[in-house]
Amino acid sequence: MTRAEVRREFVRIQQQLHTTVIIVTHDMAEAFVLGRRVCVIDG
């Protein structure tokens, strides 16, 4: 599975379950693809 496929599958599962999910990533593009809200923590 490619990273893009994993992201699509993750979104599909999250939408199917109708639940809140917290994802920690260092990839800003991935954060914007997966999230409706993004929090940036510096420090």
PDB file of N, CA and C in Angstrom:
ATOM      1  N   MET A   1       0.846  -1.184   0.000  1.00  0.00           N
ATOM      2  CA  MET A   1       0.000   0.000   0.000  1.00  0.00           C
ATOM      3  C   MET A   1       0.889   1.246   0.000  1.00  0.00           C
ATOM      4  N   THR A   2       0.502   2.185  -0.822  1.00  0.00           N
ATOM      5  CA  THR A   2       1.241   3.446  -0.830  1.00  0.00           C
ATOM      6  C   THR A   2       0.727   4.339   0.299  1.00  0.00           C
ATOM      7  N   ARG A   3       1.477   5.370   0.571  1.00  0.00           N
ATOM      8  CA  ARG A   3       1.084   6.310   1.624  1.00  0.00           C
ATOM      9  C   ARG A   3      -0.252   6.973   1.292  1.00  0.00           C
ATOM     10  N   ALA A   4      -0.444   7.297   0.020  1.00  0.00           N
ATOM     11  CA  ALA A   4      -1.703   7.924  -0.412  1.00  0.00           C
ATOM     12  C   ALA A   4      -2.876   6.969  -0.215  1.00  0.00           C
ATOM     13  N   GLU A   5      -2.678   5.699  -0.491  1.00  0.00           N
ATOM     14  CA  GLU A   5      -3.738   4.706  -0.289  1.00  0.00           C
ATOM     15  C   GLU A   5      -4.078   4.560   1.188  1.00  0.00           C
ATOM     16  N   VAL A   6      -3.065   4.581   2.030  1.00  0.00           N
ATOM     17  CA  VAL A   6      -3.295   4.492   3.479  1.00  0.00           C
ATOM     18  C   VAL A   6      -4.099   5.701   3.950  1.00  0.00           C
ATOM     19  N   ARG A   7      -3.753   6.884   3.442  1.00  0.00           N
ATOM     20  CA  ARG A   7      -4.504   8.094   3.818  1.00  0.00           C
ATOM     21  C   ARG A   7      -5.964   7.992   3.393  1.00  0.00           C
ATOM     22  N   ARG A   8      -6.214   7.555   2.162  1.00  0.00           N
ATOM     23  CA  ARG A   8      -7.600   7.417   1.687  1.00  0.00           C
ATOM     24  C   ARG A   8      -8.366   6.402   2.529  1.00  0.00           C
ATOM     25  N   GLU A   9      -7.744   5.305   2.850  1.00  0.00           N
ATOM     26  CA  GLU A   9      -8.406   4.278   3.657  1.00  0.00           C
ATOM     27  C   GLU A   9      -8.687   4.794   5.065  1.00  0.00           C
ATOM     28  N   PHE A  10      -7.750   5.530   5.623  1.00  0.00           N
ATOM     29  CA  PHE A  10      -7.939   6.105   6.953  1.00  0.00           C
ATOM     30  C   PHE A  10      -9.134   7.050   6.962  1.00  0.00           C
ATOM     31  N   VAL A  11      -9.237   7.914   5.960  1.00  0.00           N
ATOM     32  CA  VAL A  11     -10.361   8.857   5.866  1.00  0.00           C
ATOM     33  C   VAL A  11     -11.670   8.095   5.723  1.00  0.00           C
ATOM     34  N   ARG A  12     -11.685   7.062   4.904  1.00  0.00           N
ATOM     35  CA  ARG A  12     -12.892   6.254   4.706  1.00  0.00           C
ATOM     36  C   ARG A  12     -13.353   5.624   6.022  1.00  0.00           C
ATOM     37  N   ILE A  13     -12.420   5.058   6.766  1.00  0.00           N
ATOM     38  CA  ILE A  13     -12.762   4.427   8.048  1.00  0.00           C
ATOM     39  C   ILE A  13     -13.270   5.467   9.040  1.00  0.00           C
ATOM     40  N   GLN A  14     -12.609   6.604   9.105  1.00  0.00           N
ATOM     41  CA  GLN A  14     -13.016   7.662  10.038  1.00  0.00           C
ATOM     42  C   GLN A  14     -14.423   8.138   9.710  1.00  0.00           C
ATOM     43  N   GLN A  15     -14.737   8.314   8.441  1.00  0.00           N
ATOM     44  CA  GLN A  15     -16.072   8.765   8.042  1.00  0.00           C
ATOM     45  C   GLN A  15     -17.122   7.698   8.323  1.00  0.00           C
ATOM     46  N   GLN A  16     -16.759   6.457   8.141  1.00  0.00           N
ATOM     47  CA  GLN A  16     -17.692   5.350   8.389  1.00  0.00           C
ATOM     48  C   GLN A  16     -18.018   5.240   9.870  1.00  0.00           C
ATOM     49  N   LEU A  17     -17.034   5.461  10.730  1.00  0.00           N
ATOM     50  CA  LEU A  17     -17.233   5.325  12.176  1.00  0.00           C
ATOM     51  C   LEU A  17     -17.794   6.593  12.827  1.00  0.00           C
ATOM     52  N   HIS A  18     -17.740   7.726  12.108  1.00  0.00           N
ATOM     53  CA  HIS A  18     -18.230   9.009  12.654  1.00  0.00           C
ATOM     54  C   HIS A  18     -17.616   9.300  14.013  1.00  0.00           C
ATOM     55  N   THR A  19     -16.298   9.284  14.069  1.00  0.00           N
ATOM     56  CA  THR A  19     -15.622   9.510  15.333  1.00  0.00           C
ATOM     57  C   THR A  19     -14.473  10.502  15.168  1.00  0.00           C
ATOM     58  N   THR A  20     -14.053  11.091  16.258  1.00  0.00           N
ATOM     59  CA  THR A  20     -12.920  12.002  16.251  1.00  0.00           C
ATOM     60  C   THR A  20     -11.639  11.200  16.359  1.00  0.00           C
ATOM     61  N   VAL A  21     -10.651  11.602  15.571  1.00  0.00           N
ATOM     62  CA  VAL A  21      -9.368  10.912  15.554  1.00  0.00           C
ATOM     63  C   VAL A  21      -8.261  11.950  15.655  1.00  0.00           C
ATOM     64  N   ILE A  22      -7.240  11.654  16.434  1.00  0.00           N
ATOM     65  CA  ILE A  22      -6.067  12.527  16.536  1.00  0.00           C
ATOM     66  C   ILE A  22      -4.909  11.834  15.829  1.00  0.00           C
ATOM     67  N   ILE A  23      -4.292  12.531  14.909  1.00  0.00           N
ATOM     68  CA  ILE A  23      -3.156  12.007  14.150  1.00  0.00           C
ATOM     69  C   ILE A  23      -1.956  12.915  14.407  1.00  0.00           C
ATOM     70  N   VAL A  24      -0.832  12.324  14.707  1.00  0.00           N
ATOM     71  CA  VAL A  24       0.409  13.076  14.880  1.00  0.00           C
ATOM     72  C   VAL A  24       1.274  12.811  13.659  1.00  0.00           C
ATOM     73  N   THR A  25       1.664  13.881  12.973  1.00  0.00           N
ATOM     74  CA  THR A  25       2.495  13.742  11.775  1.00  0.00           C
ATOM     75  C   THR A  25       3.441  14.927  11.671  1.00  0.00           C
ATOM     76  N   HIS A  26       4.542  14.719  10.984  1.00  0.00           N
ATOM     77  CA  HIS A  26       5.485  15.803  10.700  1.00  0.00           C
ATOM     78  C   HIS A  26       5.320  16.289   9.269  1.00  0.00           C
ATOM     79  N   ASP A  27       4.386  15.705   8.535  1.00  0.00           N
ATOM     80  CA  ASP A  27       4.152  16.019   7.127  1.00  0.00           C
ATOM     81  C   ASP A  27       2.967  16.970   7.023  1.00  0.00           C
ATOM     82  N   MET A  28       3.243  18.240   6.713  1.00  0.00           N
ATOM     83  CA  MET A  28       2.184  19.256   6.655  1.00  0.00           C
ATOM     84  C   MET A  28       1.145  18.921   5.578  1.00  0.00           C
ATOM     85  N   ALA A  29       1.580  18.444   4.431  1.00  0.00           N
ATOM     86  CA  ALA A  29       0.637  18.103   3.362  1.00  0.00           C
ATOM     87  C   ALA A  29      -0.302  17.005   3.840  1.00  0.00           C
ATOM     88  N   GLU A  30       0.231  16.014   4.520  1.00  0.00           N
ATOM     89  CA  GLU A  30      -0.587  14.926   5.046  1.00  0.00           C
ATOM     90  C   GLU A  30      -1.597  15.457   6.068  1.00  0.00           C
ATOM     91  N   ALA A  31      -1.160  16.368   6.910  1.00  0.00           N
ATOM     92  CA  ALA A  31      -2.049  16.948   7.922  1.00  0.00           C
ATOM     93  C   ALA A  31      -3.236  17.649   7.266  1.00  0.00           C
ATOM     94  N   PHE A  32      -2.978  18.399   6.204  1.00  0.00           N
ATOM     95  CA  PHE A  32      -4.060  19.135   5.537  1.00  0.00           C
ATOM     96  C   PHE A  32      -4.979  18.212   4.753  1.00  0.00           C
ATOM     97  N   VAL A  33      -4.460  17.099   4.259  1.00  0.00           N
ATOM     98  CA  VAL A  33      -5.298  16.137   3.540  1.00  0.00           C
ATOM     99  C   VAL A  33      -6.216  15.402   4.516  1.00  0.00           C
ATOM    100  N   LEU A  34      -5.681  15.027   5.662  1.00  0.00           N
ATOM    101  CA  LEU A  34      -6.429  14.192   6.599  1.00  0.00           C
ATOM    102  C   LEU A  34      -7.328  14.979   7.546  1.00  0.00           C
ATOM    103  N   GLY A  35      -6.995  16.205   7.827  1.00  0.00           N
ATOM    104  CA  GLY A  35      -7.723  16.900   8.878  1.00  0.00           C
ATOM    105  C   GLY A  35      -8.600  18.038   8.415  1.00  0.00           C
ATOM    106  N   ARG A  36      -9.642  18.263   9.194  1.00  0.00           N
ATOM    107  CA  ARG A  36     -10.456  19.463   8.986  1.00  0.00           C
ATOM    108  C   ARG A  36      -9.924  20.576   9.870  1.00  0.00           C
ATOM    109  N   ARG A  37      -9.273  20.190  10.958  1.00  0.00           N
ATOM    110  CA  ARG A  37      -8.629  21.155  11.854  1.00  0.00           C
ATOM    111  C   ARG A  37      -7.184  20.701  12.039  1.00  0.00           C
ATOM    112  N   VAL A  38      -6.265  21.672  11.990  1.00  0.00           N
ATOM    113  CA  VAL A  38      -4.858  21.356  12.135  1.00  0.00           C
ATOM    114  C   VAL A  38      -4.274  22.218  13.245  1.00  0.00           C
ATOM    115  N   CYS A  39      -3.533  21.610  14.137  1.00  0.00           N
ATOM    116  CA  CYS A  39      -2.873  22.319  15.226  1.00  0.00           C
ATOM    117  C   CYS A  39      -1.369  22.175  15.039  1.00  0.00           C
ATOM    118  N   VAL A  40      -0.662  23.298  15.045  1.00  0.00           N
ATOM    119  CA  VAL A  40       0.800  23.272  14.914  1.00  0.00           C
ATOM    120  C   VAL A  40       1.395  23.607  16.269  1.00  0.00           C
ATOM    121  N   ILE A  41       2.243  22.709  16.749  1.00  0.00           N
ATOM    122  CA  ILE A  41       2.897  22.907  18.047  1.00  0.00           C
ATOM    123  C   ILE A  41       4.386  23.095  17.797  1.00  0.00           C
ATOM    124  N   ASP A  42       4.917  24.197  18.252  1.00  0.00           N
ATOM    125  CA  ASP A  42       6.348  24.492  18.083  1.00  0.00           C
ATOM    126  C   ASP A  42       7.004  24.502  19.445  1.00  0.00           C
ATOM    127  N   GLY A  43       8.013  23.690  19.560  1.00  0.00           N
ATOM    128  CA  GLY A  43       8.740  23.730  20.824  1.00  0.00           C
ATOM    129  C   GLY A  43       8.955  22.455  21.469  1.00  0.00           C
TER     130      GLY A  43
END
